[in-house]
Amino acid sequence: MTASAMDAAPRLTSLSHGGGCGCKIAPGVLRDLLGQAAPGAPFEALLVGRETGDDAAVYRLNDEQALVATTDFFMPIVDDPYDFGRIAAANALSDVYAMGGRPLLALAIVGMPIKVLPAPVIRRILDGGEAICAAAGIPVAGGHSIDSVEPIYGLAVIGTVAPREVKRNCDGRDGDALVLGKPLGVGVLSAALKKGQLDAAGYEALIATTTRLNSAGPGLARLDGVHAMTDVTGFGLLGHLLGVCRGSGLHAHLDFDDVPLLPGVRGLAAAGHVTGASARNWASYAEAVTLGGGIPSAAQALLTDPQTSGGLLVSCTAGAVPAVLEEFKRHGCDRAAVIGRLAAGAPGATVR
């Protein structure tokens, strides 16, 4: 892209009312909307549908193969078009990995304000998405585009998984350890960026975590003792964990000091660099969460912080933890950590 085209383009984040997975409809509102939907017709081959709010749909083709299908798109979380494309693509691919699947191909979802953004800027967004798909070993085989008021980019992704290796978010078991694959804080860093308060090191950390593929998913799904899996995105760690708890009929106990955080986010959150989605998330599920008195004041904002291309959350036996951590490490997730456990009790979460 030429320097003149870049200079002429407005900041991507200035064109959208929200960015990344912080654009998601609040969990409570979404539950109300989906709760009013008419029951779907039964399909015996549909292994995973909309019932548990899982990461992707899974449809069995035969005893050895099932299709995994998902779609994910959002508005800019950063101003660099290439980075925006990379982040959006990695986030969309994560849904397939979270089910234990391997992506096969992607279709681009493109909505751009054609009269506002120069064509070279839009091209760089597409280049970023294609680069991430190439890293995942899949093609962007087509897509659909519209002229929209706000810039939107994402992917529809098709993958495959063996039916016996599908990992849902609702199969946690009493006594399971909870392992988080990436540190939290993407929403905090993006809020600081939008206010011009994020330094170069913070931006580097933001890009590094959001463009890291959750490609550990298929390997994790094959490990003995791994029962449930999801990825942590727009509803924050607590929101996605509560999905596991409700689906599994269990209570989560979290140790806040064990939750990995991106560098600097604790201080930024304490200084008020949080997204509006964090407050909406808390309002949607606060009644199911107990926060201990000894945790930091910024803990609520960090635990509800919307993650864009966040980490996988794994529910597994204590005996499987070393293998789970090793699989994460093999795929570049060096800060994966045990953050708590599941136990019998009313679906919800206690943080100490």
Protein backbone atom coordinates (compact mmCIF):
# COMPACT_ATOMS: atom_id res chain seq x y z
CA MET A 1 0.00 0.00 0.00
CA THR A 2 1.35 3.43 -0.89
CA ALA A 3 2.07 5.99 1.80
CA SER A 4 -0.39 8.41 0.19
CA ALA A 5 -3.22 5.88 0.39
CA MET A 6 -2.47 5.23 4.05
CA ASP A 7 -2.31 8.96 4.81
CA ALA A 8 -5.64 9.54 3.11
CA ALA A 9 -7.42 6.78 5.01
CA PRO A 10 -9.21 7.52 8.30
CA ARG A 11 -8.36 5.45 11.37
CA LEU A 12 -10.22 2.17 11.11
CA THR A 13 -11.33 2.27 14.73
CA SER A 14 -12.84 5.75 14.18
CA LEU A 15 -15.31 4.25 11.70
CA SER A 16 -16.90 1.75 14.09
CA HIS A 17 -18.91 2.08 17.28
CA GLY A 18 -17.17 -0.97 18.77
CA GLY A 19 -14.27 -3.22 17.93
CA GLY A 20 -13.41 -6.91 17.80
CA CYS A 21 -15.44 -9.30 19.93
CA GLY A 22 -16.46 -6.33 22.07
CA CYS A 23 -19.11 -5.81 19.34
CA LYS A 24 -20.99 -8.91 20.46
CA ILE A 25 -24.55 -8.58 21.67
CA ALA A 26 -24.55 -8.82 25.48
CA PRO A 27 -25.00 -12.39 26.81
CA GLY A 28 -28.33 -11.67 28.53
CA VAL A 29 -29.81 -10.02 25.45
CA LEU A 30 -28.60 -12.87 23.25
CA ARG A 31 -30.16 -15.46 25.58
CA ASP A 32 -33.48 -13.65 25.34
CA LEU A 33 -33.32 -13.47 21.55
CA LEU A 34 -32.40 -17.13 21.09
CA GLY A 35 -34.90 -18.20 23.74
CA GLN A 36 -37.71 -16.82 21.59
CA ALA A 37 -36.64 -18.85 18.55
CA ALA A 38 -38.94 -21.66 17.45
CA PRO A 39 -37.59 -25.14 18.21
CA GLY A 40 -35.66 -26.57 15.31
CA ALA A 41 -36.65 -29.78 13.60
CA PRO A 42 -34.69 -32.78 14.87
CA PHE A 43 -31.75 -33.83 12.70
CA GLU A 44 -30.11 -37.03 13.87
CA ALA A 45 -26.81 -36.19 12.19
CA LEU A 46 -26.56 -32.74 13.81
CA LEU A 47 -24.19 -33.52 16.67
CA VAL A 48 -23.87 -29.92 17.91
CA GLY A 49 -26.45 -27.24 17.18
CA ARG A 50 -27.55 -24.06 18.91
CA GLU A 51 -28.83 -25.63 22.14
CA THR A 52 -25.74 -25.03 24.30
CA GLY A 53 -24.38 -21.91 22.61
CA ASP A 54 -21.31 -23.82 21.50
CA ASP A 55 -18.55 -22.43 19.29
CA ALA A 56 -19.55 -24.10 16.01
CA ALA A 57 -22.09 -26.49 14.51
CA VAL A 58 -21.05 -30.10 13.92
CA TYR A 59 -22.79 -32.40 11.42
CA ARG A 60 -21.94 -36.10 11.19
CA LEU A 61 -21.23 -37.41 7.70
CA ASN A 62 -20.38 -40.98 8.74
CA ASP A 63 -18.83 -42.83 11.68
CA GLU A 64 -15.39 -41.33 11.01
CA GLN A 65 -16.11 -37.84 9.70
CA ALA A 66 -18.14 -34.82 10.71
CA LEU A 67 -18.25 -31.28 9.34
CA VAL A 68 -17.58 -28.29 11.60
CA ALA A 69 -19.11 -25.00 10.43
CA THR A 70 -18.87 -21.51 11.89
CA THR A 71 -18.96 -17.84 10.97
CA ASP A 72 -17.39 -14.91 12.79
CA PHE A 73 -16.90 -11.26 11.85
CA PHE A 74 -16.58 -7.89 13.54
CA MET A 75 -15.51 -4.25 13.24
CA PRO A 76 -11.90 -3.05 13.62
CA ILE A 77 -10.11 -3.51 16.92
CA VAL A 78 -6.91 -1.89 15.59
CA ASP A 79 -6.12 0.75 12.97
CA ASP A 80 -3.57 -1.19 10.93
CA PRO A 81 -5.60 -2.89 8.16
CA TYR A 82 -3.27 -5.87 7.79
CA ASP A 83 -3.36 -6.55 11.54
CA PHE A 84 -7.16 -6.17 11.58
CA GLY A 85 -7.45 -8.81 8.86
CA ARG A 86 -5.11 -11.19 10.68
CA ILE A 87 -6.92 -10.82 14.01
CA ALA A 88 -10.37 -11.35 12.49
CA ALA A 89 -9.25 -14.46 10.62
CA ALA A 90 -7.52 -16.02 13.64
CA ASN A 91 -10.63 -15.36 15.72
CA ALA A 92 -12.90 -17.08 13.19
CA LEU A 93 -10.65 -20.12 12.85
CA SER A 94 -10.63 -20.50 16.63
CA ASP A 95 -14.24 -21.73 16.64
CA VAL A 96 -13.30 -24.79 14.61
CA TYR A 97 -10.26 -25.49 16.77
CA ALA A 98 -12.40 -25.17 19.91
CA MET A 99 -14.58 -28.08 18.75
CA GLY A 100 -11.48 -30.22 18.23
CA GLY A 101 -11.67 -29.75 14.46
CA ARG A 102 -9.23 -28.94 11.70
CA PRO A 103 -10.14 -26.12 9.26
CA LEU A 104 -10.50 -27.05 5.58
CA LEU A 105 -11.39 -23.78 3.87
CA ALA A 106 -12.70 -20.30 4.55
CA LEU A 107 -15.03 -17.84 2.85
CA ALA A 108 -14.47 -14.12 3.40
CA ILE A 109 -17.20 -11.89 4.84
CA VAL A 110 -16.52 -8.31 3.78
CA GLY A 111 -18.52 -5.16 4.48
CA MET A 112 -16.69 -1.91 3.73
CA PRO A 113 -17.56 1.81 3.41
CA ILE A 114 -16.33 1.96 -0.17
CA LYS A 115 -16.54 5.75 -0.45
CA VAL A 116 -14.59 6.24 2.78
CA LEU A 117 -11.80 3.65 2.76
CA PRO A 118 -9.33 3.61 -0.17
CA ALA A 119 -9.21 0.34 -2.10
CA PRO A 120 -5.57 -0.34 -1.09
CA VAL A 121 -6.57 -0.21 2.59
CA ILE A 122 -9.34 -2.75 2.03
CA ARG A 123 -6.93 -4.91 0.07
CA ARG A 124 -4.56 -4.95 3.06
CA ILE A 125 -7.37 -6.18 5.32
CA LEU A 126 -7.98 -9.06 2.92
CA ASP A 127 -4.24 -9.73 2.71
CA GLY A 128 -4.08 -10.07 6.50
CA GLY A 129 -6.90 -12.59 6.56
CA GLU A 130 -5.36 -14.60 3.76
CA ALA A 131 -1.99 -14.65 5.53
CA ILE A 132 -3.51 -16.21 8.65
CA CYS A 133 -5.42 -18.76 6.59
CA ALA A 134 -2.18 -19.64 4.78
CA ALA A 135 -0.53 -20.15 8.18
CA ALA A 136 -3.40 -22.50 9.07
CA GLY A 137 -2.86 -24.36 5.79
CA ILE A 138 -6.22 -23.50 4.21
CA PRO A 139 -7.43 -21.37 1.29
CA VAL A 140 -9.81 -18.43 1.30
CA ALA A 141 -11.93 -20.01 -1.41
CA GLY A 142 -14.46 -17.23 -1.97
CA GLY A 143 -16.80 -15.03 0.01
CA HIS A 144 -19.32 -12.22 -0.13
CA SER A 145 -18.97 -8.43 0.06
CA ILE A 146 -21.26 -5.46 0.59
CA ASP A 147 -20.92 -1.67 0.81
CA SER A 148 -21.59 -0.93 4.49
CA VAL A 149 -21.49 2.08 6.79
CA GLU A 150 -18.91 0.52 9.13
CA PRO A 151 -15.98 -1.72 8.13
CA ILE A 152 -16.67 -5.40 8.83
CA TYR A 153 -14.44 -8.38 8.13
CA GLY A 154 -14.44 -12.04 9.08
CA LEU A 155 -14.72 -15.58 7.80
CA ALA A 156 -17.10 -18.46 7.43
CA VAL A 157 -15.00 -21.57 8.09
CA ILE A 158 -15.58 -25.24 7.30
CA GLY A 159 -13.56 -27.94 9.04
CA THR A 160 -13.65 -31.62 9.88
CA VAL A 161 -13.48 -33.66 13.06
CA ALA A 162 -13.93 -37.31 14.00
CA PRO A 163 -17.32 -37.59 15.76
CA ARG A 164 -15.72 -39.28 18.78
CA GLU A 165 -13.28 -36.36 19.17
CA VAL A 166 -15.85 -33.53 19.19
CA LYS A 167 -15.43 -31.36 22.30
CA ARG A 168 -18.49 -29.43 23.41
CA ASN A 169 -18.68 -26.75 26.09
CA CYS A 170 -21.21 -28.73 28.15
CA ASP A 171 -19.31 -31.91 29.05
CA GLY A 172 -17.24 -30.79 32.03
CA ARG A 173 -17.10 -33.19 34.99
CA ASP A 174 -16.99 -32.82 38.75
CA GLY A 175 -13.36 -32.48 39.83
CA ASP A 176 -12.06 -31.33 36.44
CA ALA A 177 -9.23 -28.81 36.31
CA LEU A 178 -9.77 -25.66 34.24
CA VAL A 179 -6.90 -24.69 31.95
CA LEU A 180 -6.76 -21.37 30.07
CA GLY A 181 -4.57 -21.26 26.95
CA LYS A 182 -3.93 -17.49 26.57
CA PRO A 183 -3.64 -14.57 28.99
CA LEU A 184 -6.51 -12.11 29.39
CA GLY A 185 -6.53 -8.39 28.64
CA VAL A 186 -7.20 -7.92 24.92
CA GLY A 187 -10.18 -5.63 25.54
CA VAL A 188 -8.22 -3.52 28.02
CA LEU A 189 -5.35 -3.08 25.56
CA SER A 190 -7.73 -2.20 22.74
CA ALA A 191 -9.48 0.38 24.94
CA ALA A 192 -6.13 1.98 25.74
CA LEU A 193 -5.21 1.93 22.04
CA LYS A 194 -8.39 3.71 21.05
CA LYS A 195 -7.59 6.45 23.60
CA GLY A 196 -4.00 6.76 22.37
CA GLN A 197 -2.66 5.41 25.68
CA LEU A 198 -1.07 2.14 24.50
CA ASP A 199 2.71 2.06 24.06
CA ALA A 200 4.62 0.07 21.43
CA ALA A 201 5.23 -2.88 23.77
CA GLY A 202 1.53 -3.07 24.61
CA TYR A 203 0.57 -3.02 20.95
CA GLU A 204 3.09 -5.77 20.19
CA ALA A 205 1.59 -7.90 22.97
CA LEU A 206 -1.92 -7.24 21.65
CA ILE A 207 -1.03 -8.34 18.11
CA ALA A 208 1.01 -11.34 19.24
CA THR A 209 -1.81 -12.87 21.29
CA THR A 210 -4.68 -12.09 18.89
CA THR A 211 -2.90 -13.50 15.83
CA ARG A 212 -1.73 -16.69 17.55
CA LEU A 213 -3.79 -19.57 16.21
CA ASN A 214 -5.56 -21.88 18.68
CA SER A 215 -4.25 -24.77 16.63
CA ALA A 216 -3.71 -26.84 19.78
CA GLY A 217 -7.43 -27.69 19.65
CA PRO A 218 -7.30 -30.92 17.62
CA GLY A 219 -4.43 -32.31 19.68
CA LEU A 220 -6.17 -31.41 22.92
CA ALA A 221 -9.35 -33.13 21.74
CA ARG A 222 -7.48 -36.40 21.30
CA LEU A 223 -5.99 -36.42 24.81
CA ASP A 224 -7.42 -38.84 27.36
CA GLY A 225 -9.10 -36.93 30.17
CA VAL A 226 -10.09 -33.82 28.18
CA HIS A 227 -13.85 -33.51 28.56
CA ALA A 228 -14.96 -30.04 27.46
CA MET A 229 -13.51 -27.14 25.50
CA THR A 230 -14.51 -23.66 24.37
CA ASP A 231 -12.74 -20.46 23.40
CA VAL A 232 -12.85 -17.26 25.42
CA THR A 233 -14.03 -14.34 23.29
CA GLY A 234 -16.52 -11.50 23.59
CA PHE A 235 -18.34 -12.59 26.77
CA GLY A 236 -15.11 -12.60 28.77
CA LEU A 237 -13.63 -15.45 30.78
CA LEU A 238 -16.55 -15.53 33.22
CA GLY A 239 -19.17 -15.50 30.48
CA HIS A 240 -17.71 -18.43 28.56
CA LEU A 241 -16.93 -20.31 31.77
CA LEU A 242 -20.53 -19.92 32.88
CA GLY A 243 -21.55 -21.52 29.59
CA VAL A 244 -19.50 -24.56 30.60
CA CYS A 245 -21.01 -24.53 34.09
CA ARG A 246 -24.62 -24.28 32.92
CA GLY A 247 -24.18 -26.94 30.26
CA SER A 248 -22.37 -29.29 32.64
CA GLY A 249 -24.53 -28.59 35.71
CA LEU A 250 -21.45 -27.69 37.81
CA HIS A 251 -19.92 -24.81 39.78
CA ALA A 252 -16.54 -23.29 38.93
CA HIS A 253 -14.00 -22.21 41.53
CA LEU A 254 -11.42 -19.77 40.16
CA ASP A 255 -8.17 -18.56 41.71
CA PHE A 256 -7.70 -15.04 40.35
CA ASP A 257 -3.97 -15.00 41.11
CA ASP A 258 -3.54 -17.99 38.78
CA VAL A 259 -5.30 -16.34 35.83
CA PRO A 260 -2.63 -15.24 33.29
CA LEU A 261 -2.80 -11.58 32.26
CA LEU A 262 -1.17 -9.73 29.38
CA PRO A 263 1.62 -7.34 30.43
CA GLY A 264 0.40 -4.06 31.87
CA VAL A 265 -3.32 -4.77 31.74
CA ARG A 266 -3.85 -4.78 35.50
CA GLY A 267 -2.65 -1.18 35.74
CA LEU A 268 -4.51 -0.10 32.60
CA ALA A 269 -7.76 -1.61 33.89
CA ALA A 270 -7.31 0.10 37.26
CA ALA A 271 -6.84 3.39 35.37
CA GLY A 272 -10.21 2.96 33.66
CA HIS A 273 -9.13 1.57 30.29
CA VAL A 274 -12.00 -0.90 29.93
CA THR A 275 -14.56 -1.45 27.20
CA GLY A 276 -18.28 -0.86 27.46
CA ALA A 277 -18.74 -4.57 26.71
CA SER A 278 -17.12 -5.44 30.03
CA ALA A 279 -19.90 -3.69 31.99
CA ARG A 280 -22.58 -5.21 29.73
CA ASN A 281 -21.10 -8.65 30.30
CA TRP A 282 -21.15 -8.22 34.08
CA ALA A 283 -24.73 -7.00 34.06
CA SER A 284 -25.75 -10.10 32.10
CA TYR A 285 -24.35 -12.70 34.50
CA ALA A 286 -23.41 -11.02 37.81
CA GLU A 287 -26.10 -12.97 39.70
CA ALA A 288 -24.26 -16.23 38.97
CA VAL A 289 -20.83 -15.01 40.18
CA THR A 290 -19.41 -14.55 43.67
CA LEU A 291 -16.28 -12.39 43.94
CA GLY A 292 -14.20 -12.92 47.08
CA GLY A 293 -13.26 -9.93 49.18
CA GLY A 294 -9.52 -10.40 48.80
CA ILE A 295 -9.23 -10.05 45.04
CA PRO A 296 -8.03 -6.80 43.37
CA SER A 297 -10.55 -4.09 42.53
CA ALA A 298 -9.78 -4.47 38.80
CA ALA A 299 -10.57 -8.20 38.85
CA GLN A 300 -14.19 -7.76 37.75
CA ALA A 301 -13.15 -5.76 34.68
CA LEU A 302 -10.47 -8.28 33.75
CA LEU A 303 -12.67 -11.36 34.21
CA THR A 304 -15.42 -9.81 32.08
CA ASP A 305 -13.00 -8.25 29.57
CA PRO A 306 -14.06 -9.18 26.01
CA GLN A 307 -11.32 -11.21 24.38
CA THR A 308 -10.85 -11.06 20.65
CA SER A 309 -9.15 -14.24 19.42
CA GLY A 310 -8.79 -15.33 23.04
CA GLY A 311 -7.49 -18.61 24.35
CA LEU A 312 -9.03 -22.06 24.60
CA LEU A 313 -10.58 -23.01 27.94
CA VAL A 314 -10.20 -26.72 28.70
CA SER A 315 -11.95 -28.85 31.31
CA CYS A 316 -9.92 -31.99 32.04
CA THR A 317 -8.95 -34.45 34.74
CA ALA A 318 -6.11 -33.50 37.05
CA GLY A 319 -4.09 -36.32 35.55
CA ALA A 320 -4.41 -34.85 32.05
CA VAL A 321 -3.11 -31.40 33.04
CA PRO A 322 0.60 -32.02 32.21
CA ALA A 323 -0.28 -33.28 28.71
CA VAL A 324 -2.70 -30.38 28.17
CA LEU A 325 -0.08 -27.81 29.15
CA GLU A 326 2.50 -29.50 26.94
CA GLU A 327 0.14 -29.46 23.95
CA PHE A 328 -0.52 -25.75 24.47
CA LYS A 329 3.21 -25.08 24.71
CA ARG A 330 3.86 -27.03 21.51
CA HIS A 331 1.56 -24.59 19.70
CA GLY A 332 3.15 -21.45 21.13
CA CYS A 333 0.79 -20.89 24.08
CA ASP A 334 3.57 -20.71 26.67
CA ARG A 335 1.43 -18.98 29.30
CA ALA A 336 -1.32 -21.59 29.49
CA ALA A 337 -2.21 -22.16 33.13
CA VAL A 338 -4.52 -24.02 35.49
CA ILE A 339 -6.93 -21.36 36.80
CA GLY A 340 -9.42 -23.37 38.86
CA ARG A 341 -11.66 -26.40 38.96
CA LEU A 342 -15.22 -27.63 38.49
CA ALA A 343 -17.19 -29.07 41.38
CA ALA A 344 -20.70 -30.11 42.30
CA GLY A 345 -23.00 -27.20 42.99
CA ALA A 346 -25.42 -24.78 41.38
CA PRO A 347 -24.17 -23.59 37.98
CA GLY A 348 -22.13 -20.46 38.60
CA ALA A 349 -18.64 -19.33 39.56
CA THR A 350 -16.82 -18.33 42.74
CA VAL A 351 -13.63 -16.28 42.41
CA ARG A 352 -11.17 -15.95 45.25
